[in-house]
Amino acid sequence: MTTKSHTTNKNIKQKILILQELGADHILDNSLNKIIEFQLAKYKQFRKEVRAELKKFENTYNIKSKAFFDRFQKGEMGDKTDYIEWASIYENLEYYDDKIATLEDAVKK
């Protein structure tokens, strides 16, 4: 973590603690949920775009992305430029899926 990032995180935590001490828990919770929902919407849009890109490869090579990626990871697909790009895009999908799951879990709490 960079110094600037650490300082920003410390400032955010201090602000949250101050709001909690002032009894603004409900407002704070609502505000944080709105921020999380906003970020969720962004990640879901990104995921939708990534899935559209993956669909092009699936249609071209007649294999689902998950099956392709599993085989690619095992070294069974070779290093064709399309395959490297496809694998990279699939990793983006996994990244967004992970972020979405984390944020959805945070909203439930």
N, C-alpha and C. Protein backbone atom coordinates (compact mmCIF):
# COMPACT_ATOMS: atom_id res chain seq x y z
N MET A 1 0.85 -1.17 0.00
CA MET A 1 0.00 0.00 0.00
C MET A 1 0.89 1.23 0.00
N THR A 2 0.58 2.17 -0.88
CA THR A 2 1.37 3.39 -0.94
C THR A 2 1.06 4.29 0.24
N THR A 3 1.96 5.22 0.50
CA THR A 3 1.77 6.14 1.62
C THR A 3 0.51 6.97 1.42
N LYS A 4 0.30 7.45 0.19
CA LYS A 4 -0.89 8.25 -0.09
C LYS A 4 -2.16 7.43 0.14
N SER A 5 -2.16 6.19 -0.34
CA SER A 5 -3.31 5.31 -0.15
C SER A 5 -3.54 5.03 1.32
N HIS A 6 -2.46 4.80 2.05
CA HIS A 6 -2.57 4.54 3.48
C HIS A 6 -3.15 5.76 4.20
N THR A 7 -2.69 6.95 3.83
CA THR A 7 -3.20 8.18 4.44
C THR A 7 -4.67 8.36 4.12
N THR A 8 -5.07 8.10 2.88
CA THR A 8 -6.47 8.23 2.48
C THR A 8 -7.33 7.25 3.27
N ASN A 9 -6.89 6.00 3.38
CA ASN A 9 -7.64 5.01 4.15
C ASN A 9 -7.77 5.43 5.61
N LYS A 10 -6.71 5.97 6.17
CA LYS A 10 -6.74 6.42 7.55
C LYS A 10 -7.75 7.56 7.71
N ASN A 11 -7.75 8.48 6.76
CA ASN A 11 -8.70 9.61 6.80
C ASN A 11 -10.14 9.13 6.69
N ILE A 12 -10.37 8.18 5.82
CA ILE A 12 -11.73 7.62 5.66
C ILE A 12 -12.18 6.96 6.94
N LYS A 13 -11.31 6.16 7.52
CA LYS A 13 -11.66 5.47 8.77
C LYS A 13 -11.95 6.48 9.88
N GLN A 14 -11.16 7.55 9.95
CA GLN A 14 -11.39 8.58 10.97
C GLN A 14 -12.75 9.25 10.77
N LYS A 15 -13.09 9.54 9.53
CA LYS A 15 -14.38 10.17 9.23
C LYS A 15 -15.53 9.25 9.62
N ILE A 16 -15.40 7.97 9.32
CA ILE A 16 -16.45 7.01 9.67
C ILE A 16 -16.61 6.94 11.18
N LEU A 17 -15.49 6.89 11.90
CA LEU A 17 -15.55 6.84 13.37
C LEU A 17 -16.22 8.08 13.95
N ILE A 18 -15.90 9.24 13.39
CA ILE A 18 -16.52 10.48 13.86
C ILE A 18 -18.02 10.44 13.65
N LEU A 19 -18.45 10.01 12.46
CA LEU A 19 -19.89 9.92 12.18
C LEU A 19 -20.56 8.93 13.12
N GLN A 20 -19.91 7.81 13.39
CA GLN A 20 -20.49 6.84 14.32
C GLN A 20 -20.59 7.42 15.73
N GLU A 21 -19.57 8.13 16.15
CA GLU A 21 -19.59 8.75 17.48
C GLU A 21 -20.69 9.79 17.60
N LEU A 22 -21.03 10.41 16.49
CA LEU A 22 -22.09 11.42 16.49
C LEU A 22 -23.48 10.82 16.32
N GLY A 23 -23.54 9.51 16.24
CA GLY A 23 -24.83 8.83 16.15
C GLY A 23 -25.42 8.80 14.75
N ALA A 24 -24.57 8.92 13.77
CA ALA A 24 -25.05 8.95 12.38
C ALA A 24 -24.95 7.58 11.72
N ASP A 25 -25.06 6.52 12.50
CA ASP A 25 -24.90 5.16 11.96
C ASP A 25 -25.87 4.87 10.82
N HIS A 26 -27.13 5.23 11.00
CA HIS A 26 -28.15 4.94 9.99
C HIS A 26 -27.85 5.69 8.68
N ILE A 27 -27.52 6.96 8.81
CA ILE A 27 -27.20 7.76 7.62
C ILE A 27 -25.94 7.23 6.96
N LEU A 28 -24.96 6.89 7.77
CA LEU A 28 -23.71 6.35 7.26
C LEU A 28 -23.95 5.04 6.52
N ASP A 29 -24.73 4.16 7.11
CA ASP A 29 -25.04 2.88 6.49
C ASP A 29 -25.76 3.06 5.16
N ASN A 30 -26.75 3.95 5.14
CA ASN A 30 -27.48 4.22 3.89
C ASN A 30 -26.56 4.79 2.82
N SER A 31 -25.70 5.71 3.22
CA SER A 31 -24.78 6.33 2.27
C SER A 31 -23.79 5.31 1.71
N LEU A 32 -23.26 4.49 2.58
CA LEU A 32 -22.32 3.47 2.12
C LEU A 32 -23.00 2.46 1.20
N ASN A 33 -24.23 2.10 1.52
CA ASN A 33 -24.97 1.19 0.64
C ASN A 33 -25.19 1.80 -0.74
N LYS A 34 -25.45 3.10 -0.79
CA LYS A 34 -25.62 3.77 -2.09
C LYS A 34 -24.32 3.77 -2.88
N ILE A 35 -23.23 4.01 -2.20
CA ILE A 35 -21.92 3.98 -2.87
C ILE A 35 -21.63 2.58 -3.39
N ILE A 36 -21.91 1.59 -2.57
CA ILE A 36 -21.69 0.20 -2.98
C ILE A 36 -22.58 -0.15 -4.16
N GLU A 37 -23.85 0.25 -4.13
CA GLU A 37 -24.76 -0.02 -5.24
C GLU A 37 -24.27 0.64 -6.53
N PHE A 38 -23.74 1.85 -6.41
CA PHE A 38 -23.19 2.55 -7.57
C PHE A 38 -22.01 1.76 -8.15
N GLN A 39 -21.11 1.32 -7.28
CA GLN A 39 -19.95 0.55 -7.73
C GLN A 39 -20.38 -0.79 -8.31
N LEU A 40 -21.38 -1.41 -7.69
CA LEU A 40 -21.93 -2.66 -8.21
C LEU A 40 -22.45 -2.49 -9.64
N ALA A 41 -23.18 -1.43 -9.86
CA ALA A 41 -23.72 -1.17 -11.19
C ALA A 41 -22.59 -1.02 -12.22
N LYS A 42 -21.53 -0.33 -11.84
CA LYS A 42 -20.39 -0.17 -12.74
C LYS A 42 -19.76 -1.52 -13.07
N TYR A 43 -19.51 -2.32 -12.02
CA TYR A 43 -18.89 -3.63 -12.25
C TYR A 43 -19.80 -4.54 -13.06
N LYS A 44 -21.09 -4.48 -12.83
CA LYS A 44 -22.02 -5.31 -13.60
C LYS A 44 -22.03 -4.89 -15.07
N GLN A 45 -21.93 -3.60 -15.34
CA GLN A 45 -21.84 -3.13 -16.72
C GLN A 45 -20.54 -3.61 -17.37
N PHE A 46 -19.44 -3.49 -16.63
CA PHE A 46 -18.16 -3.97 -17.15
C PHE A 46 -18.23 -5.47 -17.44
N ARG A 47 -18.85 -6.21 -16.53
CA ARG A 47 -18.98 -7.66 -16.70
C ARG A 47 -19.81 -7.97 -17.94
N LYS A 48 -20.86 -7.22 -18.16
CA LYS A 48 -21.71 -7.42 -19.35
C LYS A 48 -20.89 -7.21 -20.63
N GLU A 49 -20.06 -6.17 -20.62
CA GLU A 49 -19.22 -5.89 -21.79
C GLU A 49 -18.18 -7.00 -22.01
N VAL A 50 -17.61 -7.49 -20.92
CA VAL A 50 -16.64 -8.57 -21.01
C VAL A 50 -17.30 -9.83 -21.55
N ARG A 51 -18.49 -10.13 -21.07
CA ARG A 51 -19.21 -11.32 -21.56
C ARG A 51 -19.50 -11.23 -23.05
N ALA A 52 -19.80 -10.03 -23.53
CA ALA A 52 -20.04 -9.84 -24.97
C ALA A 52 -18.76 -10.14 -25.75
N GLU A 53 -17.62 -9.71 -25.23
CA GLU A 53 -16.35 -10.00 -25.89
C GLU A 53 -16.06 -11.50 -25.87
N LEU A 54 -16.33 -12.14 -24.74
CA LEU A 54 -16.09 -13.58 -24.64
C LEU A 54 -16.98 -14.35 -25.61
N LYS A 55 -18.20 -13.89 -25.78
CA LYS A 55 -19.16 -14.55 -26.67
C LYS A 55 -18.61 -14.61 -28.10
N LYS A 56 -17.91 -13.56 -28.51
CA LYS A 56 -17.32 -13.54 -29.86
C LYS A 56 -16.31 -14.69 -30.02
N PHE A 57 -15.46 -14.87 -29.01
CA PHE A 57 -14.49 -15.96 -29.06
C PHE A 57 -15.19 -17.31 -29.02
N GLU A 58 -16.20 -17.43 -28.16
CA GLU A 58 -16.95 -18.69 -28.05
C GLU A 58 -17.58 -19.06 -29.39
N ASN A 59 -18.14 -18.08 -30.07
CA ASN A 59 -18.76 -18.34 -31.37
C ASN A 59 -17.72 -18.69 -32.43
N THR A 60 -16.58 -18.03 -32.38
CA THR A 60 -15.53 -18.29 -33.35
C THR A 60 -14.93 -19.68 -33.18
N TYR A 61 -14.68 -20.07 -31.94
CA TYR A 61 -13.97 -21.32 -31.66
C TYR A 61 -14.87 -22.45 -31.15
N ASN A 62 -16.16 -22.15 -31.03
CA ASN A 62 -17.15 -23.16 -30.66
C ASN A 62 -16.81 -23.88 -29.35
N ILE A 63 -16.44 -23.10 -28.34
CA ILE A 63 -16.16 -23.65 -27.01
C ILE A 63 -16.49 -22.55 -25.99
N LYS A 64 -17.06 -22.96 -24.88
CA LYS A 64 -17.39 -22.01 -23.82
C LYS A 64 -16.09 -21.48 -23.18
N SER A 65 -16.16 -20.26 -22.72
CA SER A 65 -14.97 -19.60 -22.17
C SER A 65 -14.38 -20.33 -20.97
N LYS A 66 -15.22 -20.82 -20.09
CA LYS A 66 -14.73 -21.54 -18.90
C LYS A 66 -13.95 -22.78 -19.32
N ALA A 67 -14.51 -23.55 -20.24
CA ALA A 67 -13.83 -24.76 -20.72
C ALA A 67 -12.53 -24.39 -21.44
N PHE A 68 -12.59 -23.35 -22.25
CA PHE A 68 -11.38 -22.88 -22.93
C PHE A 68 -10.32 -22.50 -21.90
N PHE A 69 -10.71 -21.69 -20.91
CA PHE A 69 -9.75 -21.18 -19.94
C PHE A 69 -9.12 -22.31 -19.14
N ASP A 70 -9.91 -23.30 -18.75
CA ASP A 70 -9.38 -24.44 -18.02
C ASP A 70 -8.31 -25.16 -18.86
N ARG A 71 -8.61 -25.36 -20.13
CA ARG A 71 -7.67 -26.03 -21.03
C ARG A 71 -6.45 -25.15 -21.30
N PHE A 72 -6.68 -23.85 -21.44
CA PHE A 72 -5.58 -22.91 -21.67
C PHE A 72 -4.62 -22.92 -20.49
N GLN A 73 -5.15 -22.93 -19.28
CA GLN A 73 -4.34 -22.95 -18.06
C GLN A 73 -3.49 -24.22 -17.97
N LYS A 74 -4.00 -25.31 -18.52
CA LYS A 74 -3.27 -26.58 -18.51
C LYS A 74 -2.26 -26.67 -19.65
N GLY A 75 -2.22 -25.64 -20.50
CA GLY A 75 -1.30 -25.63 -21.63
C GLY A 75 -1.77 -26.42 -22.82
N GLU A 76 -3.05 -26.72 -22.87
CA GLU A 76 -3.59 -27.57 -23.93
C GLU A 76 -4.03 -26.79 -25.17
N MET A 77 -4.03 -25.48 -25.11
CA MET A 77 -4.56 -24.69 -26.22
C MET A 77 -3.49 -24.00 -27.07
N GLY A 78 -2.29 -23.98 -26.60
CA GLY A 78 -1.23 -23.30 -27.34
C GLY A 78 -1.19 -21.82 -26.98
N ASP A 79 -0.38 -21.07 -27.74
CA ASP A 79 -0.19 -19.66 -27.41
C ASP A 79 -0.58 -18.74 -28.56
N LYS A 80 -1.59 -19.14 -29.29
CA LYS A 80 -2.13 -18.32 -30.36
C LYS A 80 -2.55 -16.96 -29.79
N THR A 81 -2.33 -15.90 -30.52
CA THR A 81 -2.64 -14.55 -30.04
C THR A 81 -4.08 -14.43 -29.58
N ASP A 82 -5.02 -14.99 -30.33
CA ASP A 82 -6.43 -14.96 -29.93
C ASP A 82 -6.63 -15.63 -28.57
N TYR A 83 -5.93 -16.71 -28.34
CA TYR A 83 -6.09 -17.44 -27.08
C TYR A 83 -5.56 -16.64 -25.89
N ILE A 84 -4.45 -15.97 -26.10
CA ILE A 84 -3.90 -15.14 -25.03
C ILE A 84 -4.86 -13.99 -24.71
N GLU A 85 -5.41 -13.37 -25.75
CA GLU A 85 -6.38 -12.29 -25.54
C GLU A 85 -7.64 -12.83 -24.85
N TRP A 86 -8.12 -13.96 -25.31
CA TRP A 86 -9.32 -14.58 -24.74
C TRP A 86 -9.11 -14.90 -23.26
N ALA A 87 -7.97 -15.48 -22.94
CA ALA A 87 -7.66 -15.80 -21.54
C ALA A 87 -7.61 -14.54 -20.68
N SER A 88 -7.04 -13.49 -21.23
CA SER A 88 -6.96 -12.23 -20.50
C SER A 88 -8.34 -11.65 -20.25
N ILE A 89 -9.18 -11.70 -21.24
CA ILE A 89 -10.55 -11.20 -21.09
C ILE A 89 -11.31 -12.06 -20.08
N TYR A 90 -11.10 -13.36 -20.12
CA TYR A 90 -11.75 -14.24 -19.16
C TYR A 90 -11.31 -13.92 -17.73
N GLU A 91 -10.04 -13.63 -17.56
CA GLU A 91 -9.55 -13.24 -16.24
C GLU A 91 -10.24 -11.96 -15.76
N ASN A 92 -10.53 -11.05 -16.69
CA ASN A 92 -11.29 -9.85 -16.33
C ASN A 92 -12.68 -10.22 -15.81
N LEU A 93 -13.30 -11.19 -16.45
CA LEU A 93 -14.61 -11.65 -15.99
C LEU A 93 -14.52 -12.17 -14.56
N GLU A 94 -13.51 -12.99 -14.30
CA GLU A 94 -13.33 -13.52 -12.94
C GLU A 94 -13.10 -12.38 -11.94
N TYR A 95 -12.34 -11.38 -12.35
CA TYR A 95 -12.07 -10.22 -11.49
C TYR A 95 -13.38 -9.51 -11.14
N TYR A 96 -14.19 -9.23 -12.16
CA TYR A 96 -15.46 -8.54 -11.91
C TYR A 96 -16.42 -9.40 -11.10
N ASP A 97 -16.47 -10.69 -11.38
CA ASP A 97 -17.33 -11.59 -10.60
C ASP A 97 -16.93 -11.55 -9.13
N ASP A 98 -15.64 -11.55 -8.87
CA ASP A 98 -15.15 -11.51 -7.49
C ASP A 98 -15.53 -10.19 -6.81
N LYS A 99 -15.33 -9.09 -7.50
CA LYS A 99 -15.65 -7.78 -6.93
C LYS A 99 -17.15 -7.66 -6.68
N ILE A 100 -17.94 -8.14 -7.61
CA ILE A 100 -19.40 -8.09 -7.47
C ILE A 100 -19.85 -8.91 -6.26
N ALA A 101 -19.30 -10.10 -6.12
CA ALA A 101 -19.66 -10.96 -4.97
C ALA A 101 -19.29 -10.28 -3.66
N THR A 102 -18.12 -9.67 -3.60
CA THR A 102 -17.68 -8.98 -2.39
C THR A 102 -18.61 -7.83 -2.04
N LEU A 103 -18.97 -7.03 -3.05
CA LEU A 103 -19.85 -5.89 -2.80
C LEU A 103 -21.27 -6.33 -2.44
N GLU A 104 -21.77 -7.37 -3.11
CA GLU A 104 -23.11 -7.87 -2.78
C GLU A 104 -23.14 -8.39 -1.36
N ASP A 105 -22.07 -9.04 -0.94
CA ASP A 105 -21.98 -9.53 0.43
C ASP A 105 -21.96 -8.35 1.42
N ALA A 106 -21.27 -7.30 1.06
CA ALA A 106 -21.20 -6.12 1.95
C ALA A 106 -22.56 -5.47 2.13
N VAL A 107 -23.35 -5.44 1.09
CA VAL A 107 -24.68 -4.83 1.16
C VAL A 107 -25.60 -5.65 2.06
N LYS A 108 -25.43 -6.97 2.07
CA LYS A 108 -26.28 -7.86 2.88
C LYS A 108 -26.03 -7.69 4.36
N LYS A 109 -24.84 -7.23 4.73
CA LYS A 109 -24.48 -7.14 6.15
C LYS A 109 -25.09 -5.93 6.80
